[in-house]
Every structure is written in C-alpha cells, then in structure tokens.
Amino acid sequence: MSGRTDSDPPPDTHVEEAEDAEQGADALRAARRARWTAVGTGTVLALAGTAAALLRLTGSTPVLVPVAYACGAGACALAAVLGSRGRTRRALWLLIAGLMVMALGDQFD
C-alpha cells in the first residue's frame, strides 16, 4: 500500500461521461429544432393572418374582422421573434392566443 489517496477513478465513469455528453448534444438538437419550429410556425401564421386581414379589409365585413386578423397576425409575429430567442414555451402560448383571436374575429363575419 503506497498511501496515495488520489488514485485513478474506476474505468466505468468514462462511459458515463460519454453518455452525458451524448445526452447534452441531443438536448441541444431538440432545443434548436424547437426554435426553428416556433420561428417557422409563427412566420407562416403571421403571413396568413396579414393576408386574411387585407382580404377582409377590401370586403364588406365589419371593421372588427380585419382588426382581429391583424392583431392575431401581430401576436404570431411576436411569437416568431420569441421563438428565435429561445422562449419557445411563451411562443407556443402566444401562437395559440393569436390563432384564437383570429378565430374569434372570423366569428363576427
């Protein structure tokens, strides 16, 4: 017995470190995918809401309808910005709220 207390760690800890690094990489890929999904969905819904607001504005619908579409599109655009900054949960709830506003505006048509 040499009396050294700083011996090498058991060899199985190297495997755990590799697994932890792999799980970290998977989590990073999932976070990146969630950001791109929030940005893409928010952009598409914002464009669709803007187009619907412009189409309804030219028709003989009440003023509340295009305003609701425009507000919903604005909420979806804000969700795209939040998603790009990594706030994907808030972006999801804002997308839902924006779609609900657009659907509510469609009910007044």
N, C-alpha and C. Protein backbone atom coordinates (compact mmCIF):
# COMPACT_ATOMS: atom_id res chain seq x y z
N MET A 1 0.84 -1.16 0.00
CA MET A 1 0.00 0.00 0.00
C MET A 1 0.89 1.23 0.00
N SER A 2 0.65 2.11 -0.98
CA SER A 2 1.53 3.26 -1.15
C SER A 2 1.09 4.46 -0.31
N GLY A 3 -0.13 4.49 0.14
CA GLY A 3 -0.60 5.59 0.95
C GLY A 3 -1.16 6.76 0.13
N ARG A 4 -1.25 6.61 -1.19
CA ARG A 4 -1.80 7.69 -2.02
C ARG A 4 -3.32 7.67 -1.96
N THR A 5 -3.92 8.84 -1.79
CA THR A 5 -5.38 8.93 -1.74
C THR A 5 -5.96 9.38 -3.07
N ASP A 6 -5.13 9.86 -3.98
CA ASP A 6 -5.65 10.36 -5.25
C ASP A 6 -5.44 9.34 -6.37
N SER A 7 -6.09 8.22 -6.23
CA SER A 7 -5.95 7.17 -7.23
C SER A 7 -6.85 7.46 -8.42
N ASP A 8 -6.65 6.75 -9.51
CA ASP A 8 -7.46 6.92 -10.72
C ASP A 8 -8.89 6.46 -10.48
N PRO A 9 -9.87 7.14 -11.10
CA PRO A 9 -11.26 6.71 -10.94
C PRO A 9 -11.49 5.40 -11.68
N PRO A 10 -12.51 4.68 -11.30
CA PRO A 10 -12.80 3.43 -11.99
C PRO A 10 -13.08 3.69 -13.47
N PRO A 11 -12.80 2.72 -14.32
CA PRO A 11 -12.94 2.94 -15.77
C PRO A 11 -14.38 3.14 -16.23
N ASP A 12 -15.40 2.74 -15.46
CA ASP A 12 -16.78 2.88 -15.92
C ASP A 12 -17.27 4.33 -15.91
N THR A 13 -16.58 5.24 -15.22
CA THR A 13 -17.02 6.63 -15.22
C THR A 13 -16.78 7.29 -16.57
N HIS A 14 -15.83 6.82 -17.33
CA HIS A 14 -15.58 7.38 -18.66
C HIS A 14 -16.77 7.11 -19.58
N VAL A 15 -17.41 5.98 -19.42
CA VAL A 15 -18.58 5.64 -20.23
C VAL A 15 -19.74 6.56 -19.86
N GLU A 16 -19.92 6.84 -18.58
CA GLU A 16 -20.99 7.73 -18.14
C GLU A 16 -20.77 9.15 -18.66
N GLU A 17 -19.54 9.60 -18.68
CA GLU A 17 -19.25 10.93 -19.21
C GLU A 17 -19.59 11.01 -20.70
N ALA A 18 -19.32 9.95 -21.43
CA ALA A 18 -19.65 9.93 -22.86
C ALA A 18 -21.16 9.93 -23.06
N GLU A 19 -21.87 9.20 -22.22
CA GLU A 19 -23.34 9.19 -22.32
C GLU A 19 -23.91 10.55 -21.97
N ASP A 20 -23.35 11.21 -20.95
CA ASP A 20 -23.81 12.55 -20.58
C ASP A 20 -23.58 13.54 -21.71
N ALA A 21 -22.44 13.44 -22.37
CA ALA A 21 -22.14 14.33 -23.49
C ALA A 21 -23.10 14.07 -24.65
N GLU A 22 -23.43 12.82 -24.88
CA GLU A 22 -24.37 12.48 -25.96
C GLU A 22 -25.77 12.99 -25.64
N GLN A 23 -26.20 12.88 -24.39
CA GLN A 23 -27.50 13.39 -23.99
C GLN A 23 -27.54 14.91 -24.09
N GLY A 24 -26.45 15.56 -23.78
CA GLY A 24 -26.37 17.01 -23.92
C GLY A 24 -26.48 17.44 -25.37
N ALA A 25 -25.87 16.69 -26.26
CA ALA A 25 -25.96 17.00 -27.69
C ALA A 25 -27.38 16.79 -28.19
N ASP A 26 -28.05 15.75 -27.70
CA ASP A 26 -29.44 15.51 -28.08
C ASP A 26 -30.35 16.63 -27.59
N ALA A 27 -30.11 17.09 -26.38
CA ALA A 27 -30.91 18.19 -25.83
C ALA A 27 -30.68 19.48 -26.63
N LEU A 28 -29.44 19.70 -27.06
CA LEU A 28 -29.15 20.88 -27.87
C LEU A 28 -29.85 20.81 -29.22
N ARG A 29 -29.86 19.64 -29.83
CA ARG A 29 -30.57 19.47 -31.11
C ARG A 29 -32.07 19.67 -30.94
N ALA A 30 -32.62 19.17 -29.84
CA ALA A 30 -34.05 19.35 -29.59
C ALA A 30 -34.39 20.81 -29.37
N ALA A 31 -33.55 21.53 -28.66
CA ALA A 31 -33.79 22.96 -28.43
C ALA A 31 -33.71 23.73 -29.75
N ARG A 32 -32.74 23.39 -30.59
CA ARG A 32 -32.61 24.07 -31.88
C ARG A 32 -33.82 23.78 -32.77
N ARG A 33 -34.30 22.54 -32.74
CA ARG A 33 -35.47 22.16 -33.53
C ARG A 33 -36.72 22.89 -33.03
N ALA A 34 -36.84 23.06 -31.72
CA ALA A 34 -37.99 23.78 -31.16
C ALA A 34 -37.95 25.25 -31.56
N ARG A 35 -36.75 25.83 -31.59
CA ARG A 35 -36.64 27.23 -32.02
C ARG A 35 -37.06 27.39 -33.47
N TRP A 36 -36.55 26.52 -34.34
CA TRP A 36 -36.90 26.62 -35.76
C TRP A 36 -38.37 26.38 -35.99
N THR A 37 -38.96 25.48 -35.22
CA THR A 37 -40.39 25.21 -35.36
C THR A 37 -41.21 26.43 -34.94
N ALA A 38 -40.83 27.06 -33.84
CA ALA A 38 -41.55 28.26 -33.38
C ALA A 38 -41.41 29.40 -34.37
N VAL A 39 -40.22 29.58 -34.91
CA VAL A 39 -40.00 30.66 -35.88
C VAL A 39 -40.79 30.40 -37.16
N GLY A 40 -40.72 29.18 -37.66
CA GLY A 40 -41.42 28.85 -38.91
C GLY A 40 -42.93 28.95 -38.77
N THR A 41 -43.46 28.39 -37.71
CA THR A 41 -44.90 28.42 -37.49
C THR A 41 -45.39 29.85 -37.28
N GLY A 42 -44.67 30.61 -36.48
CA GLY A 42 -45.06 32.00 -36.23
C GLY A 42 -45.03 32.84 -37.50
N THR A 43 -44.03 32.63 -38.34
CA THR A 43 -43.93 33.38 -39.59
C THR A 43 -45.06 33.03 -40.54
N VAL A 44 -45.33 31.75 -40.69
CA VAL A 44 -46.40 31.32 -41.60
C VAL A 44 -47.75 31.83 -41.13
N LEU A 45 -48.03 31.72 -39.85
CA LEU A 45 -49.31 32.18 -39.33
C LEU A 45 -49.43 33.70 -39.38
N ALA A 46 -48.33 34.41 -39.18
CA ALA A 46 -48.36 35.87 -39.28
C ALA A 46 -48.65 36.31 -40.71
N LEU A 47 -48.03 35.64 -41.67
CA LEU A 47 -48.30 35.97 -43.07
C LEU A 47 -49.73 35.63 -43.46
N ALA A 48 -50.23 34.50 -43.00
CA ALA A 48 -51.61 34.11 -43.30
C ALA A 48 -52.60 35.09 -42.66
N GLY A 49 -52.35 35.50 -41.44
CA GLY A 49 -53.23 36.46 -40.77
C GLY A 49 -53.21 37.82 -41.43
N THR A 50 -52.03 38.24 -41.89
CA THR A 50 -51.93 39.52 -42.58
C THR A 50 -52.68 39.47 -43.91
N ALA A 51 -52.52 38.38 -44.64
CA ALA A 51 -53.23 38.23 -45.91
C ALA A 51 -54.74 38.21 -45.69
N ALA A 52 -55.19 37.50 -44.66
CA ALA A 52 -56.62 37.44 -44.37
C ALA A 52 -57.15 38.82 -43.95
N ALA A 53 -56.36 39.57 -43.20
CA ALA A 53 -56.79 40.92 -42.79
C ALA A 53 -56.92 41.83 -44.00
N LEU A 54 -55.98 41.74 -44.92
CA LEU A 54 -56.05 42.56 -46.12
C LEU A 54 -57.22 42.17 -47.02
N LEU A 55 -57.49 40.88 -47.13
CA LEU A 55 -58.63 40.42 -47.93
C LEU A 55 -59.95 40.83 -47.31
N ARG A 56 -60.04 40.74 -46.00
CA ARG A 56 -61.29 41.11 -45.31
C ARG A 56 -61.48 42.63 -45.28
N LEU A 57 -60.39 43.37 -45.34
CA LEU A 57 -60.48 44.82 -45.33
C LEU A 57 -61.11 45.35 -46.62
N THR A 58 -60.86 44.66 -47.72
CA THR A 58 -61.41 45.10 -49.00
C THR A 58 -62.87 44.69 -49.17
N GLY A 59 -63.36 43.77 -48.37
CA GLY A 59 -64.74 43.31 -48.48
C GLY A 59 -65.70 44.16 -47.68
N SER A 60 -66.93 43.68 -47.58
CA SER A 60 -67.97 44.42 -46.86
C SER A 60 -68.21 43.82 -45.47
N THR A 61 -67.15 43.45 -44.81
CA THR A 61 -67.26 42.87 -43.47
C THR A 61 -67.14 43.98 -42.42
N PRO A 62 -67.59 43.73 -41.21
CA PRO A 62 -67.41 44.72 -40.14
C PRO A 62 -65.92 44.98 -39.89
N VAL A 63 -65.61 46.13 -39.37
CA VAL A 63 -64.22 46.54 -39.15
C VAL A 63 -63.53 45.63 -38.14
N LEU A 64 -64.29 45.03 -37.24
CA LEU A 64 -63.71 44.18 -36.20
C LEU A 64 -63.02 42.95 -36.79
N VAL A 65 -63.49 42.47 -37.92
CA VAL A 65 -62.93 41.25 -38.51
C VAL A 65 -61.48 41.46 -38.96
N PRO A 66 -61.18 42.45 -39.82
CA PRO A 66 -59.78 42.63 -40.20
C PRO A 66 -58.88 43.04 -39.04
N VAL A 67 -59.43 43.76 -38.07
CA VAL A 67 -58.64 44.14 -36.90
C VAL A 67 -58.26 42.90 -36.10
N ALA A 68 -59.19 41.96 -35.96
CA ALA A 68 -58.90 40.73 -35.23
C ALA A 68 -57.82 39.91 -35.96
N TYR A 69 -57.93 39.83 -37.28
CA TYR A 69 -56.91 39.11 -38.05
C TYR A 69 -55.55 39.79 -37.91
N ALA A 70 -55.54 41.11 -37.96
CA ALA A 70 -54.27 41.83 -37.84
C ALA A 70 -53.66 41.67 -36.45
N CYS A 71 -54.49 41.71 -35.42
CA CYS A 71 -53.98 41.51 -34.06
C CYS A 71 -53.45 40.09 -33.86
N GLY A 72 -54.17 39.13 -34.39
CA GLY A 72 -53.70 37.74 -34.32
C GLY A 72 -52.40 37.55 -35.07
N ALA A 73 -52.28 38.21 -36.24
CA ALA A 73 -51.03 38.12 -37.01
C ALA A 73 -49.89 38.77 -36.25
N GLY A 74 -50.17 39.87 -35.58
CA GLY A 74 -49.13 40.52 -34.77
C GLY A 74 -48.66 39.64 -33.63
N ALA A 75 -49.61 38.95 -33.01
CA ALA A 75 -49.24 38.04 -31.92
C ALA A 75 -48.39 36.89 -32.44
N CYS A 76 -48.73 36.38 -33.61
CA CYS A 76 -47.95 35.28 -34.20
C CYS A 76 -46.56 35.76 -34.62
N ALA A 77 -46.46 36.99 -35.10
CA ALA A 77 -45.15 37.54 -35.45
C ALA A 77 -44.28 37.71 -34.20
N LEU A 78 -44.90 38.17 -33.12
CA LEU A 78 -44.17 38.29 -31.86
C LEU A 78 -43.74 36.91 -31.35
N ALA A 79 -44.57 35.90 -31.57
CA ALA A 79 -44.22 34.54 -31.18
C ALA A 79 -43.01 34.04 -31.97
N ALA A 80 -42.93 34.42 -33.24
CA ALA A 80 -41.77 34.03 -34.05
C ALA A 80 -40.49 34.67 -33.51
N VAL A 81 -40.59 35.92 -33.08
CA VAL A 81 -39.43 36.59 -32.50
C VAL A 81 -39.03 35.94 -31.19
N LEU A 82 -40.01 35.65 -30.35
CA LEU A 82 -39.70 34.99 -29.08
C LEU A 82 -39.10 33.60 -29.31
N GLY A 83 -39.62 32.89 -30.29
CA GLY A 83 -39.08 31.57 -30.60
C GLY A 83 -37.64 31.63 -31.06
N SER A 84 -37.30 32.65 -31.83
CA SER A 84 -35.92 32.78 -32.29
C SER A 84 -34.96 33.09 -31.15
N ARG A 85 -35.47 33.65 -30.08
CA ARG A 85 -34.64 33.97 -28.92
C ARG A 85 -34.63 32.86 -27.87
N GLY A 86 -35.29 31.75 -28.18
CA GLY A 86 -35.26 30.61 -27.28
C GLY A 86 -36.41 30.53 -26.30
N ARG A 87 -37.35 31.43 -26.36
CA ARG A 87 -38.51 31.42 -25.47
C ARG A 87 -39.64 30.63 -26.12
N THR A 88 -39.41 29.34 -26.31
CA THR A 88 -40.33 28.54 -27.10
C THR A 88 -41.65 28.27 -26.39
N ARG A 89 -41.65 28.16 -25.08
CA ARG A 89 -42.93 27.94 -24.37
C ARG A 89 -43.83 29.17 -24.48
N ARG A 90 -43.24 30.33 -24.28
CA ARG A 90 -44.03 31.55 -24.41
C ARG A 90 -44.49 31.74 -25.85
N ALA A 91 -43.64 31.37 -26.79
CA ALA A 91 -44.00 31.47 -28.20
C ALA A 91 -45.18 30.56 -28.52
N LEU A 92 -45.19 29.36 -27.96
CA LEU A 92 -46.30 28.44 -28.20
C LEU A 92 -47.61 29.02 -27.69
N TRP A 93 -47.60 29.56 -26.48
CA TRP A 93 -48.83 30.12 -25.92
C TRP A 93 -49.27 31.37 -26.68
N LEU A 94 -48.32 32.13 -27.16
CA LEU A 94 -48.67 33.30 -27.95
C LEU A 94 -49.23 32.92 -29.31
N LEU A 95 -48.72 31.84 -29.90
CA LEU A 95 -49.30 31.33 -31.15
C LEU A 95 -50.74 30.89 -30.94
N ILE A 96 -50.98 30.20 -29.85
CA ILE A 96 -52.34 29.75 -29.55
C ILE A 96 -53.26 30.95 -29.36
N ALA A 97 -52.79 31.96 -28.61
CA ALA A 97 -53.61 33.16 -28.38
C ALA A 97 -53.88 33.89 -29.69
N GLY A 98 -52.87 34.01 -30.55
CA GLY A 98 -53.05 34.67 -31.84
C GLY A 98 -54.06 33.96 -32.72
N LEU A 99 -53.99 32.65 -32.74
CA LEU A 99 -54.97 31.88 -33.52
C LEU A 99 -56.37 32.01 -32.95
N MET A 100 -56.48 32.06 -31.64
CA MET A 100 -57.80 32.23 -31.03
C MET A 100 -58.39 33.59 -31.36
N VAL A 101 -57.55 34.62 -31.39
CA VAL A 101 -58.04 35.96 -31.75
C VAL A 101 -58.52 35.97 -33.20
N MET A 102 -57.75 35.32 -34.08
CA MET A 102 -58.17 35.25 -35.49
C MET A 102 -59.46 34.46 -35.64
N ALA A 103 -59.60 33.39 -34.91
CA ALA A 103 -60.84 32.60 -34.98
C ALA A 103 -62.02 33.38 -34.42
N LEU A 104 -61.79 34.14 -33.37
CA LEU A 104 -62.86 34.97 -32.82
C LEU A 104 -63.29 36.05 -33.81
N GLY A 105 -62.32 36.64 -34.48
CA GLY A 105 -62.65 37.63 -35.50
C GLY A 105 -63.42 37.03 -36.66
N ASP A 106 -63.12 35.79 -36.97
CA ASP A 106 -63.85 35.10 -38.05
C ASP A 106 -65.30 34.85 -37.67
N GLN A 107 -65.59 34.74 -36.40
CA GLN A 107 -66.96 34.52 -35.95
C GLN A 107 -67.85 35.74 -36.18
N PHE A 108 -67.27 36.93 -36.24
CA PHE A 108 -68.04 38.14 -36.48
C PHE A 108 -68.33 38.38 -37.94
N ASP A 109 -67.81 37.53 -38.80
CA ASP A 109 -68.02 37.68 -40.24
C ASP A 109 -69.38 37.17 -40.65
